[in-house]
Amino acid sequence: MPTRIRLQRKGKKGRPYYHIVVADQRAPRDGKYIERIGAYDPNQNPALVQIDLDRAVNWMQMGAQPTDTCRAILSYRGVLYKNHLLNGVKKGAFDEAEAERRFDIWQNEKNTKIEDKRKMLGDAAEAAMKDRISGEIKKAEEMAAALSAKLAAATAEEAAPEAPAEEPPATEAPAEEAAPAAEEAPTPEEKSAGEEKPAE
C-alpha cells in the first residue's frame, strides 16, 4: 500500500490549520488516515509546527513519502536530517551516539534561531505599540491645548466689560453759526439807499 505523509485541512474559511497524517495516497484529503503524527498552524508567526519526531522518522524509514509541503515542514523540524543520520548509521559511516550528538547540535541551533525570530517579532510588535500610544498621547495633548485656548478666549470675551459707544467727533460749526448774532455792517449800496429815502 503506497503511504504518504501529508496535510489534512481543518479550521474554518480563511483560517486553516492542518493535521500531519500518514495516509493511503488513494484516500481523500480529509478522509481516513492511518496515523496522525503532528499539527501545523500557518496563522501564527512563526508558524506553529508540532510533530512526533520518532514516529515521523519511523514512517520515513518504512518508506512513506512526504508531499512537497510536508517535506518542507519535516525539514524545518529536523525529521529529514535525522532520517539522513540514521541511514548513515545503517551504512556504517558513524555510530548511533555520533548521530544523536550531531542531531542535538543541529536541533539546539534551530531552536535558538526560532526563539530569536520570536523575540525579534515580539520586540517589533512592542515598539510599534509604544509608537502608536505615544502618537495618540501627543494628539490628545494637542487637542487639549487647542480646547483650553478656545475656552480661555471665550471666558475673556465674557469677562471683559462692554466698552461705551464712541461719540462721533465734534464737527466744526459753520462760520455763520459761529459768528455772533450782531448786526452786520451795512454795505455801501444800502447806505446810499437809506440816504435817498425822503423824510416824511
Protein backbone atom coordinates (compact mmCIF):
# COMPACT_ATOMS: atom_id res chain seq x y z
CA MET A 1 0.00 0.00 0.00
CA PRO A 2 1.60 3.33 -1.04
CA THR A 3 1.65 5.59 2.02
CA ARG A 4 2.09 9.35 2.07
CA ILE A 5 2.84 11.85 4.80
CA ARG A 6 0.55 14.75 4.01
CA LEU A 7 -1.63 17.55 5.37
CA GLN A 8 -5.26 17.19 6.35
CA ARG A 9 -7.08 20.52 6.33
CA LYS A 10 -9.04 21.69 9.37
CA GLY A 11 -10.28 25.03 10.63
CA LYS A 12 -12.65 27.50 9.01
CA LYS A 13 -12.70 29.55 5.84
CA GLY A 14 -9.72 31.88 5.69
CA ARG A 15 -8.22 30.48 8.94
CA PRO A 16 -7.00 26.95 8.19
CA TYR A 17 -4.82 24.71 10.30
CA TYR A 18 -3.62 21.25 9.39
CA HIS A 19 -3.05 17.82 10.84
CA ILE A 20 0.04 16.00 9.60
CA VAL A 21 -1.07 12.47 8.89
CA VAL A 22 0.17 9.23 7.37
CA ALA A 23 -2.46 8.04 4.90
CA ASP A 24 -3.01 5.90 1.85
CA GLN A 25 -2.43 8.17 -1.13
CA ARG A 26 -5.73 6.96 -2.64
CA ALA A 27 -7.74 8.23 0.35
CA PRO A 28 -9.49 11.63 0.16
CA ARG A 29 -7.60 14.61 1.52
CA ASP A 30 -9.73 14.96 4.66
CA GLY A 31 -10.74 11.30 4.79
CA LYS A 32 -9.45 8.22 6.50
CA TYR A 33 -5.82 8.13 7.66
CA ILE A 34 -3.50 5.59 9.29
CA GLU A 35 -1.88 7.75 11.97
CA ARG A 36 -1.76 11.38 12.95
CA ILE A 37 1.83 12.43 13.70
CA GLY A 38 1.62 16.22 14.11
CA ALA A 39 -0.06 19.56 13.54
CA TYR A 40 0.74 22.70 11.54
CA ASP A 41 -0.76 26.17 12.09
CA PRO A 42 0.34 28.76 9.49
CA ASN A 43 -1.76 31.53 11.10
CA GLN A 44 0.89 32.15 13.76
CA ASN A 45 4.22 33.87 13.22
CA PRO A 46 6.50 31.94 13.33
CA ALA A 47 4.28 29.09 12.20
CA LEU A 48 3.41 26.52 14.85
CA VAL A 49 4.71 23.04 13.99
CA GLN A 50 4.16 20.15 16.40
CA ILE A 51 5.39 16.76 15.31
CA ASP A 52 6.17 13.40 16.85
CA LEU A 53 9.76 13.14 15.67
CA ASP A 54 10.25 9.43 16.38
CA ARG A 55 7.02 8.34 14.65
CA ALA A 56 7.75 10.54 11.62
CA VAL A 57 11.27 9.12 11.29
CA ASN A 58 9.91 5.59 11.76
CA TRP A 59 7.39 6.08 8.93
CA MET A 60 10.07 7.51 6.67
CA GLN A 61 12.30 4.52 7.43
CA MET A 62 9.40 2.28 6.37
CA GLY A 63 9.18 4.08 3.02
CA ALA A 64 6.39 6.66 3.49
CA GLN A 65 6.91 9.59 1.10
CA PRO A 66 6.04 13.15 2.19
CA THR A 67 4.29 15.62 -0.11
CA ASP A 68 6.22 18.75 -1.09
CA THR A 69 4.68 20.88 1.65
CA CYS A 70 5.16 18.16 4.26
CA ARG A 71 8.76 17.71 3.14
CA ALA A 72 9.41 21.40 3.89
CA ILE A 73 7.71 21.09 7.30
CA LEU A 74 9.60 17.91 8.19
CA SER A 75 12.86 19.51 7.12
CA TYR A 76 12.07 22.52 9.32
CA ARG A 77 11.67 20.24 12.35
CA GLY A 78 14.70 18.07 11.53
CA VAL A 79 12.94 14.84 10.56
CA LEU A 80 14.72 14.63 7.22
CA TYR A 81 18.09 15.31 8.85
CA LYS A 82 17.55 12.62 11.49
CA ASN A 83 16.47 10.16 8.78
CA HIS A 84 19.67 11.01 6.88
CA LEU A 85 21.78 10.39 10.00
CA LEU A 86 20.08 7.05 10.66
CA ASN A 87 20.79 6.00 7.08
CA GLY A 88 24.46 6.89 7.73
CA VAL A 89 24.41 4.66 10.83
CA LYS A 90 22.99 1.79 8.73
CA LYS A 91 25.79 2.19 6.21
CA GLY A 92 28.42 2.22 8.98
CA ALA A 93 29.65 5.80 8.41
CA PHE A 94 29.37 6.53 12.17
CA ASP A 95 27.71 5.07 15.23
CA GLU A 96 24.34 5.93 16.74
CA ALA A 97 25.84 8.06 19.53
CA GLU A 98 27.56 10.29 16.95
CA ALA A 99 24.29 10.59 15.04
CA GLU A 100 22.48 11.68 18.21
CA ARG A 101 25.24 14.18 19.02
CA ARG A 102 25.06 15.75 15.57
CA PHE A 103 21.29 15.91 15.68
CA ASP A 104 21.31 17.55 19.13
CA ILE A 105 23.73 20.23 17.91
CA TRP A 106 21.52 20.92 14.88
CA GLN A 107 18.36 20.99 16.99
CA ASN A 108 19.85 23.44 19.51
CA GLU A 109 20.90 25.79 16.71
CA LYS A 110 17.47 25.56 15.11
CA ASN A 111 15.65 26.22 18.39
CA THR A 112 17.90 29.23 19.00
CA LYS A 113 17.03 30.66 15.58
CA ILE A 114 13.30 30.13 16.20
CA GLU A 115 13.48 31.81 19.62
CA ASP A 116 15.48 34.71 18.18
CA LYS A 117 12.86 35.22 15.49
CA ARG A 118 10.05 35.04 18.05
CA LYS A 119 11.84 37.55 20.28
CA MET A 120 12.52 39.89 17.35
CA LEU A 121 8.87 39.80 16.30
CA GLY A 122 7.76 40.41 19.89
CA ASP A 123 10.13 43.37 20.26
CA ALA A 124 8.95 44.83 16.95
CA ALA A 125 5.32 44.49 18.00
CA GLU A 126 6.07 46.11 21.38
CA ALA A 127 7.92 49.00 19.72
CA ALA A 128 5.05 49.54 17.29
CA MET A 129 2.59 49.59 20.20
CA LYS A 130 4.71 52.14 22.09
CA ASP A 131 4.95 54.37 18.98
CA ARG A 132 1.19 54.18 18.49
CA ILE A 133 0.49 55.03 22.15
CA SER A 134 2.95 57.96 22.13
CA GLY A 135 1.34 59.27 18.93
CA GLU A 136 -2.12 59.06 20.48
CA ILE A 137 -0.90 60.82 23.66
CA LYS A 138 0.66 63.62 21.60
CA LYS A 139 -2.52 64.07 19.58
CA ALA A 140 -4.62 64.13 22.76
CA GLU A 141 -2.34 66.79 24.27
CA GLU A 142 -2.60 68.94 21.13
CA MET A 143 -6.39 68.66 21.16
CA ALA A 144 -6.50 69.52 24.89
CA ALA A 145 -4.28 72.58 24.34
CA ALA A 146 -6.45 73.79 21.46
CA LEU A 147 -9.61 73.33 23.53
CA SER A 148 -8.06 75.16 26.51
CA ALA A 149 -7.09 78.09 24.29
CA LYS A 150 -10.61 78.24 22.85
CA LEU A 151 -12.21 78.17 26.33
CA ALA A 152 -9.80 80.85 27.60
CA ALA A 153 -10.68 83.13 24.68
CA ALA A 154 -14.42 82.63 25.27
CA THR A 155 -14.04 83.34 29.02
CA ALA A 156 -12.04 86.52 28.33
CA GLU A 157 -14.76 87.81 26.00
CA GLU A 158 -17.47 87.21 28.62
CA ALA A 159 -15.46 88.79 31.48
CA ALA A 160 -14.42 91.97 29.62
CA PRO A 161 -16.86 94.96 30.36
CA GLU A 162 -18.65 96.39 27.39
CA ALA A 163 -16.80 99.46 26.12
CA PRO A 164 -19.01 102.65 25.84
CA ALA A 165 -20.08 103.54 22.37
CA GLU A 166 -17.70 106.08 20.95
CA GLU A 167 -19.27 109.52 20.28
CA PRO A 168 -18.81 110.86 16.80
CA PRO A 169 -16.09 113.52 16.67
CA ALA A 170 -17.41 117.06 17.03
CA THR A 171 -17.53 118.78 13.69
CA GLU A 172 -16.67 122.44 13.41
CA ALA A 173 -19.69 124.73 13.33
CA PRO A 174 -20.23 126.66 10.13
CA ALA A 175 -18.74 130.13 10.07
CA GLU A 176 -22.18 131.75 10.07
CA GLU A 177 -23.30 129.94 13.24
CA ALA A 178 -20.01 130.58 14.96
CA ALA A 179 -20.23 134.34 14.37
CA PRO A 180 -22.23 136.34 16.92
CA ALA A 181 -25.71 137.36 16.00
CA ALA A 182 -24.73 141.02 15.93
CA GLU A 183 -25.99 143.23 13.16
CA GLU A 184 -23.89 143.26 10.16
CA ALA A 185 -22.44 146.47 8.93
CA PRO A 186 -24.47 147.86 6.02
CA THR A 187 -22.98 147.65 2.64
CA PRO A 188 -22.27 150.89 0.68
CA GLU A 189 -25.31 150.28 -1.54
CA GLU A 190 -27.64 150.04 1.46
CA LYS A 191 -26.17 153.28 2.86
CA SER A 192 -26.92 155.17 -0.35
CA ALA A 193 -30.45 153.78 -0.50
CA GLY A 194 -31.08 154.92 3.07
CA GLU A 195 -29.91 158.40 2.39
CA GLU A 196 -32.11 158.87 -0.65
CA LYS A 197 -35.26 157.88 1.23
CA PRO A 198 -37.39 161.05 1.70
CA ALA A 199 -38.20 162.07 5.16
CA GLU A 200 -41.90 162.38 5.94
